[in-house]
Amino acid sequence: QPTECFLSQPEEKQESTVKAKRRKKKKISDVLQKSAPKPGVPADLQNLLTQHFGENRSVIEIEELKLSDSCFLPANDLSHSFSSYLKEICPKWAKLRRNHEEKKSVVMLVLCSSALRSLELIKSMTAFKGDCKVLKLFAKHIKIKEQMNMLEKGVFHIGVGTPGRVKALVEQDGLCLNSTKYMILDWNWRDQKLRRMMDIPEIKRETIDLLEKSIIKLCRDGSVKLGLF
C-alpha cells in the first residue's frame, strides 16, 4: 500500500502540472481572442524603434531615427477595408498613377508578414487600384532576378510583399525608392496564431532594418509618408 501511495503522488503532481500548463496556454489565447483589438498608432512604431535601438545607439543616433507626426498618414481605426483606407490616405491616386513613368520603382509600397497575406491584400485593393500595375514582392515561388527583370523592363505603381525581399531588392539595386510616396505597414492584421507582423521576430527585424537603412531618411526628407493599416 505505501508503495502504491508513493507511486500515485508524482503522477498526480505531473498531471496537475500538465493541467496547469494547459490552463495557462488556453488563458493566453483566450485573452488575445477576447480582448478588443487596439488599432496601431504612430507612437507604437516610434516606441518599437526606440526600444530596438535603445541599448546600442547613442542619444544622437536615436534622435536621427525619430519620425515627426508629419511623416505619418492617418492610421487605420479598424473600420476600413484595405481599398477604403487607401482611398482615404491617397485621394489623388489617379493623378499620381498617371504621372508615374519610372522603371525600377513603385509609387506605393505595402509590407506584410507573408506571401499569402500579400496575395490577400492585392485582391482586397481592387476597388482602389483601378488599372494600375501591381508587383508581388515576396520570395515564395518567385526568384529575385525575375522581380529585378520585371522592374527594369516595366512600369509598376504598387509593390506588395515582405520586408525581407523588399530589402534585398533595394540592396541589390533592383528597386529604387526615390519615386515612392507611400509606405503602408500591415500593422493590425493577425495570423492564425494571433500574431501581428511585428510579433514575428524575423519580420520585425527585417522591417526595422529596411526602415533604418532606406525609409526613415526619406520620411524625414518629406518624400515618403508612412501608414499603419
C-alpha atoms as a PDB file:
ATOM      1  CA  GLN A   1       0.000   0.000   0.000  1.00  0.00           C
ATOM      2  CA  PRO A   2       2.662   2.587   0.879  1.00  0.00           C
ATOM      3  CA  THR A   3       4.365   1.811  -2.437  1.00  0.00           C
ATOM      4  CA  GLU A   4       1.131   2.436  -4.337  1.00  0.00           C
ATOM      5  CA  CYS A   5       0.673   5.618  -2.430  1.00  0.00           C
ATOM      6  CA  PHE A   6       4.226   6.705  -3.238  1.00  0.00           C
ATOM      7  CA  LEU A   7       3.720   5.983  -6.937  1.00  0.00           C
ATOM      8  CA  SER A   8       0.474   7.870  -7.202  1.00  0.00           C
ATOM      9  CA  GLN A   9       1.872  11.083  -5.753  1.00  0.00           C
ATOM     10  CA  PRO A  10       4.263  12.070  -8.574  1.00  0.00           C
ATOM     11  CA  GLU A  11       1.619  11.046 -11.119  1.00  0.00           C
ATOM     12  CA  GLU A  12      -0.846  13.393  -9.519  1.00  0.00           C
ATOM     13  CA  LYS A  13       1.765  16.133  -9.406  1.00  0.00           C
ATOM     14  CA  GLN A  14       2.660  15.551 -13.055  1.00  0.00           C
ATOM     15  CA  GLU A  15      -0.985  15.516 -14.050  1.00  0.00           C
ATOM     16  CA  SER A  16      -1.735  18.708 -12.170  1.00  0.00           C
ATOM     17  CA  THR A  17       1.337  20.404 -13.737  1.00  0.00           C
ATOM     18  CA  VAL A  18       0.180  19.395 -17.226  1.00  0.00           C
ATOM     19  CA  LYS A  19      -3.323  20.674 -16.450  1.00  0.00           C
ATOM     20  CA  ALA A  20      -1.884  23.933 -15.123  1.00  0.00           C
ATOM     21  CA  LYS A  21       0.191  24.341 -18.302  1.00  0.00           C
ATOM     22  CA  ARG A  22      -2.849  23.620 -20.444  1.00  0.00           C
ATOM     23  CA  ARG A  23      -4.895  26.111 -18.480  1.00  0.00           C
ATOM     24  CA  LYS A  24      -2.161  28.722 -18.779  1.00  0.00           C
ATOM     25  CA  LYS A  25      -1.797  28.213 -22.543  1.00  0.00           C
ATOM     26  CA  LYS A  26      -5.529  28.370 -23.094  1.00  0.00           C
ATOM     27  CA  LYS A  27      -5.765  31.502 -21.000  1.00  0.00           C
ATOM     28  CA  ILE A  28      -3.228  33.391 -23.170  1.00  0.00           C
ATOM     29  CA  SER A  29      -5.185  32.539 -26.331  1.00  0.00           C
ATOM     30  CA  ASP A  30      -8.434  33.467 -24.649  1.00  0.00           C
ATOM     31  CA  VAL A  31      -7.083  36.861 -23.658  1.00  0.00           C
ATOM     32  CA  LEU A  32      -5.956  37.539 -27.228  1.00  0.00           C
ATOM     33  CA  GLN A  33      -9.234  36.387 -28.717  1.00  0.00           C
ATOM     34  CA  LYS A  34     -11.495  38.170 -26.256  1.00  0.00           C
ATOM     35  CA  SER A  35      -9.586  41.436 -25.904  1.00  0.00           C
ATOM     36  CA  ALA A  36     -10.829  44.041 -28.353  1.00  0.00           C
ATOM     37  CA  PRO A  37      -8.118  44.686 -30.977  1.00  0.00           C
ATOM     38  CA  LYS A  38      -6.424  48.018 -30.404  1.00  0.00           C
ATOM     39  CA  PRO A  39      -5.526  49.799 -33.644  1.00  0.00           C
ATOM     40  CA  GLY A  40      -1.885  50.727 -34.117  1.00  0.00           C
ATOM     41  CA  VAL A  41      -0.873  54.393 -33.961  1.00  0.00           C
ATOM     42  CA  PRO A  42       2.370  56.176 -34.997  1.00  0.00           C
ATOM     43  CA  ALA A  43       3.563  56.209 -31.360  1.00  0.00           C
ATOM     44  CA  ASP A  44       3.599  52.373 -31.427  1.00  0.00           C
ATOM     45  CA  LEU A  45       6.131  52.361 -34.262  1.00  0.00           C
ATOM     46  CA  GLN A  46       8.179  55.117 -32.589  1.00  0.00           C
ATOM     47  CA  ASN A  47       8.316  53.127 -29.330  1.00  0.00           C
ATOM     48  CA  LEU A  48       9.281  49.970 -31.190  1.00  0.00           C
ATOM     49  CA  LEU A  49      12.230  51.728 -32.854  1.00  0.00           C
ATOM     50  CA  THR A  50      13.343  53.350 -29.589  1.00  0.00           C
ATOM     51  CA  GLN A  51      13.224  50.001 -27.752  1.00  0.00           C
ATOM     52  CA  HIS A  52      15.061  48.230 -30.563  1.00  0.00           C
ATOM     53  CA  PHE A  53      17.912  50.743 -30.814  1.00  0.00           C
ATOM     54  CA  GLY A  54      17.889  51.980 -27.225  1.00  0.00           C
ATOM     55  CA  GLU A  55      20.652  49.727 -25.919  1.00  0.00           C
ATOM     56  CA  ASN A  56      23.240  50.010 -28.703  1.00  0.00           C
ATOM     57  CA  ARG A  57      22.830  53.558 -30.007  1.00  0.00           C
ATOM     58  CA  SER A  58      23.784  56.962 -28.703  1.00  0.00           C
ATOM     59  CA  VAL A  59      21.159  59.591 -27.887  1.00  0.00           C
ATOM     60  CA  ILE A  60      22.082  61.472 -31.083  1.00  0.00           C
ATOM     61  CA  GLU A  61      21.731  58.335 -33.245  1.00  0.00           C
ATOM     62  CA  ILE A  62      18.331  57.551 -31.722  1.00  0.00           C
ATOM     63  CA  GLU A  63      17.265  61.163 -32.348  1.00  0.00           C
ATOM     64  CA  GLU A  64      18.109  60.703 -36.048  1.00  0.00           C
ATOM     65  CA  LEU A  65      15.771  57.703 -36.207  1.00  0.00           C
ATOM     66  CA  LYS A  66      12.819  59.618 -34.759  1.00  0.00           C
ATOM     67  CA  LEU A  67       9.934  60.478 -37.044  1.00  0.00           C
ATOM     68  CA  SER A  68       7.753  63.525 -36.586  1.00  0.00           C
ATOM     69  CA  ASP A  69       3.957  63.259 -36.764  1.00  0.00           C
ATOM     70  CA  SER A  70       4.085  64.851 -40.230  1.00  0.00           C
ATOM     71  CA  CYS A  71       5.848  61.690 -41.536  1.00  0.00           C
ATOM     72  CA  PHE A  72       2.709  59.627 -40.889  1.00  0.00           C
ATOM     73  CA  LEU A  73      -0.568  59.173 -42.714  1.00  0.00           C
ATOM     74  CA  PRO A  74      -3.769  58.706 -40.688  1.00  0.00           C
ATOM     75  CA  ALA A  75      -3.699  55.198 -39.153  1.00  0.00           C
ATOM     76  CA  ASN A  76      -6.468  52.674 -39.781  1.00  0.00           C
ATOM     77  CA  ASP A  77      -9.020  52.788 -36.941  1.00  0.00           C
ATOM     78  CA  LEU A  78     -10.103  49.211 -37.847  1.00  0.00           C
ATOM     79  CA  SER A  79     -13.260  50.449 -39.578  1.00  0.00           C
ATOM     80  CA  HIS A  80     -11.720  50.338 -43.074  1.00  0.00           C
ATOM     81  CA  SER A  81     -11.336  47.763 -45.802  1.00  0.00           C
ATOM     82  CA  PHE A  82      -7.924  47.981 -47.474  1.00  0.00           C
ATOM     83  CA  SER A  83      -9.341  49.791 -50.523  1.00  0.00           C
ATOM     84  CA  SER A  84     -11.304  52.324 -48.453  1.00  0.00           C
ATOM     85  CA  TYR A  85      -8.216  53.012 -46.306  1.00  0.00           C
ATOM     86  CA  LEU A  86      -6.052  53.621 -49.380  1.00  0.00           C
ATOM     87  CA  LYS A  87      -8.704  55.911 -50.875  1.00  0.00           C
ATOM     88  CA  GLU A  88      -8.743  57.961 -47.675  1.00  0.00           C
ATOM     89  CA  ILE A  89      -4.970  58.397 -47.368  1.00  0.00           C
ATOM     90  CA  CYS A  90      -4.342  58.847 -51.084  1.00  0.00           C
ATOM     91  CA  PRO A  91      -7.185  60.863 -52.646  1.00  0.00           C
ATOM     92  CA  LYS A  92      -5.014  61.975 -55.601  1.00  0.00           C
ATOM     93  CA  TRP A  93      -4.053  58.435 -56.613  1.00  0.00           C
ATOM     94  CA  ALA A  94      -5.361  58.719 -60.213  1.00  0.00           C
ATOM     95  CA  LYS A  95      -3.055  61.678 -60.887  1.00  0.00           C
ATOM     96  CA  LEU A  96      -0.043  60.040 -59.199  1.00  0.00           C
ATOM     97  CA  ARG A  97      -0.612  56.875 -61.193  1.00  0.00           C
ATOM     98  CA  ARG A  98      -0.833  58.782 -64.487  1.00  0.00           C
ATOM     99  CA  ASN A  99       2.371  60.709 -63.818  1.00  0.00           C
ATOM    100  CA  HIS A 100       4.457  57.718 -62.760  1.00  0.00           C
ATOM    101  CA  GLU A 101       6.686  56.584 -65.634  1.00  0.00           C
ATOM    102  CA  GLU A 102       9.880  55.490 -63.873  1.00  0.00           C
ATOM    103  CA  LYS A 103      11.115  51.935 -64.090  1.00  0.00           C
ATOM    104  CA  LYS A 104      12.702  50.083 -61.144  1.00  0.00           C
ATOM    105  CA  SER A 105      10.325  51.880 -58.783  1.00  0.00           C
ATOM    106  CA  VAL A 106       6.817  51.964 -57.305  1.00  0.00           C
ATOM    107  CA  VAL A 107       4.655  54.831 -56.007  1.00  0.00           C
ATOM    108  CA  MET A 108       3.271  52.780 -53.136  1.00  0.00           C
ATOM    109  CA  LEU A 109       4.978  50.038 -51.143  1.00  0.00           C
ATOM    110  CA  VAL A 110       2.915  47.709 -48.932  1.00  0.00           C
ATOM    111  CA  LEU A 111       4.717  45.498 -46.384  1.00  0.00           C
ATOM    112  CA  CYS A 112       3.143  42.489 -44.677  1.00  0.00           C
ATOM    113  CA  SER A 113       4.159  39.274 -42.932  1.00  0.00           C
ATOM    114  CA  SER A 114       3.857  36.601 -45.666  1.00  0.00           C
ATOM    115  CA  ALA A 115       3.352  35.782 -49.338  1.00  0.00           C
ATOM    116  CA  LEU A 116      -0.175  34.557 -48.604  1.00  0.00           C
ATOM    117  CA  ARG A 117      -1.097  37.787 -46.860  1.00  0.00           C
ATOM    118  CA  SER A 118       0.404  39.760 -49.793  1.00  0.00           C
ATOM    119  CA  LEU A 119      -1.973  37.987 -52.184  1.00  0.00           C
ATOM    120  CA  GLU A 120      -4.936  38.716 -49.881  1.00  0.00           C
ATOM    121  CA  LEU A 121      -4.053  42.415 -49.811  1.00  0.00           C
ATOM    122  CA  ILE A 122      -3.627  42.586 -53.591  1.00  0.00           C
ATOM    123  CA  LYS A 123      -7.112  41.074 -54.041  1.00  0.00           C
ATOM    124  CA  SER A 124      -8.639  43.432 -51.491  1.00  0.00           C
ATOM    125  CA  MET A 125      -7.280  46.608 -53.114  1.00  0.00           C
ATOM    126  CA  THR A 126      -9.147  46.076 -56.415  1.00  0.00           C
ATOM    127  CA  ALA A 127     -11.594  48.945 -55.817  1.00  0.00           C
ATOM    128  CA  PHE A 128      -8.683  51.328 -55.187  1.00  0.00           C
ATOM    129  CA  LYS A 129      -6.011  50.390 -57.704  1.00  0.00           C
ATOM    130  CA  GLY A 130      -8.039  50.679 -60.920  1.00  0.00           C
ATOM    131  CA  ASP A 131      -5.949  49.621 -63.899  1.00  0.00           C
ATOM    132  CA  CYS A 132      -2.558  50.285 -62.334  1.00  0.00           C
ATOM    133  CA  LYS A 133       0.140  47.600 -62.281  1.00  0.00           C
ATOM    134  CA  VAL A 134       0.844  45.760 -59.023  1.00  0.00           C
ATOM    135  CA  LEU A 135       4.038  43.755 -58.451  1.00  0.00           C
ATOM    136  CA  LYS A 136       4.363  40.860 -55.977  1.00  0.00           C
ATOM    137  CA  LEU A 137       7.499  41.403 -53.900  1.00  0.00           C
ATOM    138  CA  PHE A 138       7.877  38.211 -51.878  1.00  0.00           C
ATOM    139  CA  ALA A 139      10.249  35.229 -52.091  1.00  0.00           C
ATOM    140  CA  LYS A 140       7.783  32.323 -52.299  1.00  0.00           C
ATOM    141  CA  HIS A 141       7.925  30.761 -55.813  1.00  0.00           C
ATOM    142  CA  ILE A 142       9.435  33.962 -57.270  1.00  0.00           C
ATOM    143  CA  LYS A 143      13.161  34.391 -57.854  1.00  0.00           C
ATOM    144  CA  ILE A 144      14.654  37.767 -57.060  1.00  0.00           C
ATOM    145  CA  LYS A 145      16.136  38.002 -60.593  1.00  0.00           C
ATOM    146  CA  GLU A 146      12.639  37.648 -62.080  1.00  0.00           C
ATOM    147  CA  GLN A 147      11.433  40.591 -59.998  1.00  0.00           C
ATOM    148  CA  MET A 148      14.504  42.644 -60.915  1.00  0.00           C
ATOM    149  CA  ASN A 149      13.913  41.970 -64.640  1.00  0.00           C
ATOM    150  CA  MET A 150      10.250  42.960 -64.360  1.00  0.00           C
ATOM    151  CA  LEU A 151      11.119  46.179 -62.525  1.00  0.00           C
ATOM    152  CA  GLU A 152      13.766  47.005 -65.117  1.00  0.00           C
ATOM    153  CA  LYS A 153      11.512  46.426 -68.118  1.00  0.00           C
ATOM    154  CA  GLY A 154       8.096  47.671 -66.964  1.00  0.00           C
ATOM    155  CA  VAL A 155       6.435  50.483 -65.034  1.00  0.00           C
ATOM    156  CA  PHE A 156       4.767  49.367 -61.787  1.00  0.00           C
ATOM    157  CA  HIS A 157       2.673  51.536 -59.482  1.00  0.00           C
ATOM    158  CA  ILE A 158       2.287  49.385 -56.348  1.00  0.00           C
ATOM    159  CA  GLY A 159       4.583  46.798 -54.777  1.00  0.00           C
ATOM    160  CA  VAL A 160       3.162  44.392 -52.179  1.00  0.00           C
ATOM    161  CA  GLY A 161       5.388  41.977 -50.300  1.00  0.00           C
ATOM    162  CA  THR A 162       7.545  41.007 -47.356  1.00  0.00           C
ATOM    163  CA  PRO A 163      10.206  43.258 -45.812  1.00  0.00           C
ATOM    164  CA  GLY A 164      12.977  40.671 -46.382  1.00  0.00           C
ATOM    165  CA  ARG A 165      12.505  40.547 -50.168  1.00  0.00           C
ATOM    166  CA  VAL A 166      11.938  44.314 -50.486  1.00  0.00           C
ATOM    167  CA  LYS A 167      15.139  44.945 -48.503  1.00  0.00           C
ATOM    168  CA  ALA A 168      17.070  42.510 -50.740  1.00  0.00           C
ATOM    169  CA  LEU A 169      15.773  44.243 -53.890  1.00  0.00           C
ATOM    170  CA  VAL A 170      16.784  47.670 -52.554  1.00  0.00           C
ATOM    171  CA  GLU A 171      20.254  46.395 -51.541  1.00  0.00           C
ATOM    172  CA  GLN A 172      20.820  44.789 -54.963  1.00  0.00           C
ATOM    173  CA  ASP A 173      19.722  47.962 -56.762  1.00  0.00           C
ATOM    174  CA  GLY A 174      16.689  46.190 -58.231  1.00  0.00           C
ATOM    175  CA  LEU A 175      14.227  48.585 -56.565  1.00  0.00           C
ATOM    176  CA  CYS A 176      14.766  52.324 -56.243  1.00  0.00           C
ATOM    177  CA  LEU A 177      12.711  54.178 -53.606  1.00  0.00           C
ATOM    178  CA  ASN A 178      13.138  57.727 -54.964  1.00  0.00           C
ATOM    179  CA  SER A 179       9.685  57.654 -56.614  1.00  0.00           C
ATOM    180  CA  THR A 180       7.970  56.038 -53.626  1.00  0.00           C
ATOM    181  CA  LYS A 181       5.458  58.328 -51.928  1.00  0.00           C
ATOM    182  CA  TYR A 182       3.634  55.924 -49.603  1.00  0.00           C
ATOM    183  CA  MET A 183       4.743  53.004 -47.470  1.00  0.00           C
ATOM    184  CA  ILE A 184       1.974  51.043 -45.754  1.00  0.00           C
ATOM    185  CA  LEU A 185       2.634  48.559 -42.943  1.00  0.00           C
ATOM    186  CA  ASP A 186       0.006  45.836 -42.499  1.00  0.00           C
ATOM    187  CA  TRP A 187       0.158  46.595 -38.781  1.00  0.00           C
ATOM    188  CA  ASN A 188      -3.118  45.383 -37.256  1.00  0.00           C
ATOM    189  CA  TRP A 189      -3.770  42.098 -39.057  1.00  0.00           C
ATOM    190  CA  ARG A 190      -3.243  38.873 -37.059  1.00  0.00           C
ATOM    191  CA  ASP A 191      -2.371  35.437 -38.430  1.00  0.00           C
ATOM    192  CA  GLN A 192      -3.770  32.079 -37.226  1.00  0.00           C
ATOM    193  CA  LYS A 193      -1.503  32.231 -34.162  1.00  0.00           C
ATOM    194  CA  LEU A 194      -2.870  35.722 -33.457  1.00  0.00           C
ATOM    195  CA  ARG A 195       0.491  37.361 -34.231  1.00  0.00           C
ATOM    196  CA  ARG A 196       0.760  40.728 -35.911  1.00  0.00           C
ATOM    197  CA  MET A 197       3.656  41.306 -38.329  1.00  0.00           C
ATOM    198  CA  MET A 198       5.708  42.975 -35.589  1.00  0.00           C
ATOM    199  CA  ASP A 199       5.138  39.987 -33.259  1.00  0.00           C
ATOM    200  CA  ILE A 200       7.139  37.748 -35.623  1.00  0.00           C
ATOM    201  CA  PRO A 201      10.851  38.239 -34.757  1.00  0.00           C
ATOM    202  CA  GLU A 202      12.242  37.807 -38.305  1.00  0.00           C
ATOM    203  CA  ILE A 203       9.627  40.089 -39.905  1.00  0.00           C
ATOM    204  CA  LYS A 204      10.101  42.677 -37.174  1.00  0.00           C
ATOM    205  CA  ARG A 205      13.894  42.661 -37.598  1.00  0.00           C
ATOM    206  CA  GLU A 206      13.744  42.958 -41.402  1.00  0.00           C
ATOM    207  CA  THR A 207      11.134  45.733 -41.250  1.00  0.00           C
ATOM    208  CA  ILE A 208      13.245  47.728 -38.794  1.00  0.00           C
ATOM    209  CA  ASP A 209      16.364  47.176 -40.953  1.00  0.00           C
ATOM    210  CA  LEU A 210      14.538  48.429 -44.040  1.00  0.00           C
ATOM    211  CA  LEU A 211      13.208  51.448 -42.157  1.00  0.00           C
ATOM    212  CA  GLU A 212      16.627  52.304 -40.749  1.00  0.00           C
ATOM    213  CA  LYS A 213      18.638  51.835 -43.955  1.00  0.00           C
ATOM    214  CA  SER A 214      16.238  53.262 -46.532  1.00  0.00           C
ATOM    215  CA  ILE A 215      12.875  54.614 -45.380  1.00  0.00           C
ATOM    216  CA  ILE A 216      13.436  56.823 -42.320  1.00  0.00           C
ATOM    217  CA  LYS A 217      15.678  59.282 -44.196  1.00  0.00           C
ATOM    218  CA  LEU A 218      13.092  59.576 -47.000  1.00  0.00           C
ATOM    219  CA  CYS A 219      10.356  60.166 -44.397  1.00  0.00           C
ATOM    220  CA  ARG A 220      12.408  62.850 -42.662  1.00  0.00           C
ATOM    221  CA  ASP A 221      13.088  64.497 -46.052  1.00  0.00           C
ATOM    222  CA  GLY A 222       9.328  64.563 -46.670  1.00  0.00           C
ATOM    223  CA  SER A 223       9.249  62.370 -49.775  1.00  0.00           C
ATOM    224  CA  VAL A 224       7.683  59.251 -48.159  1.00  0.00           C
ATOM    225  CA  LYS A 225       4.666  59.042 -45.855  1.00  0.00           C
ATOM    226  CA  LEU A 226       4.111  56.058 -43.547  1.00  0.00           C
ATOM    227  CA  GLY A 227       0.720  54.460 -42.956  1.00  0.00           C
ATOM    228  CA  LEU A 228      -0.329  51.796 -40.443  1.00  0.00           C
ATOM    229  CA  PHE A 229      -3.195  49.691 -41.805  1.00  0.00           C
END
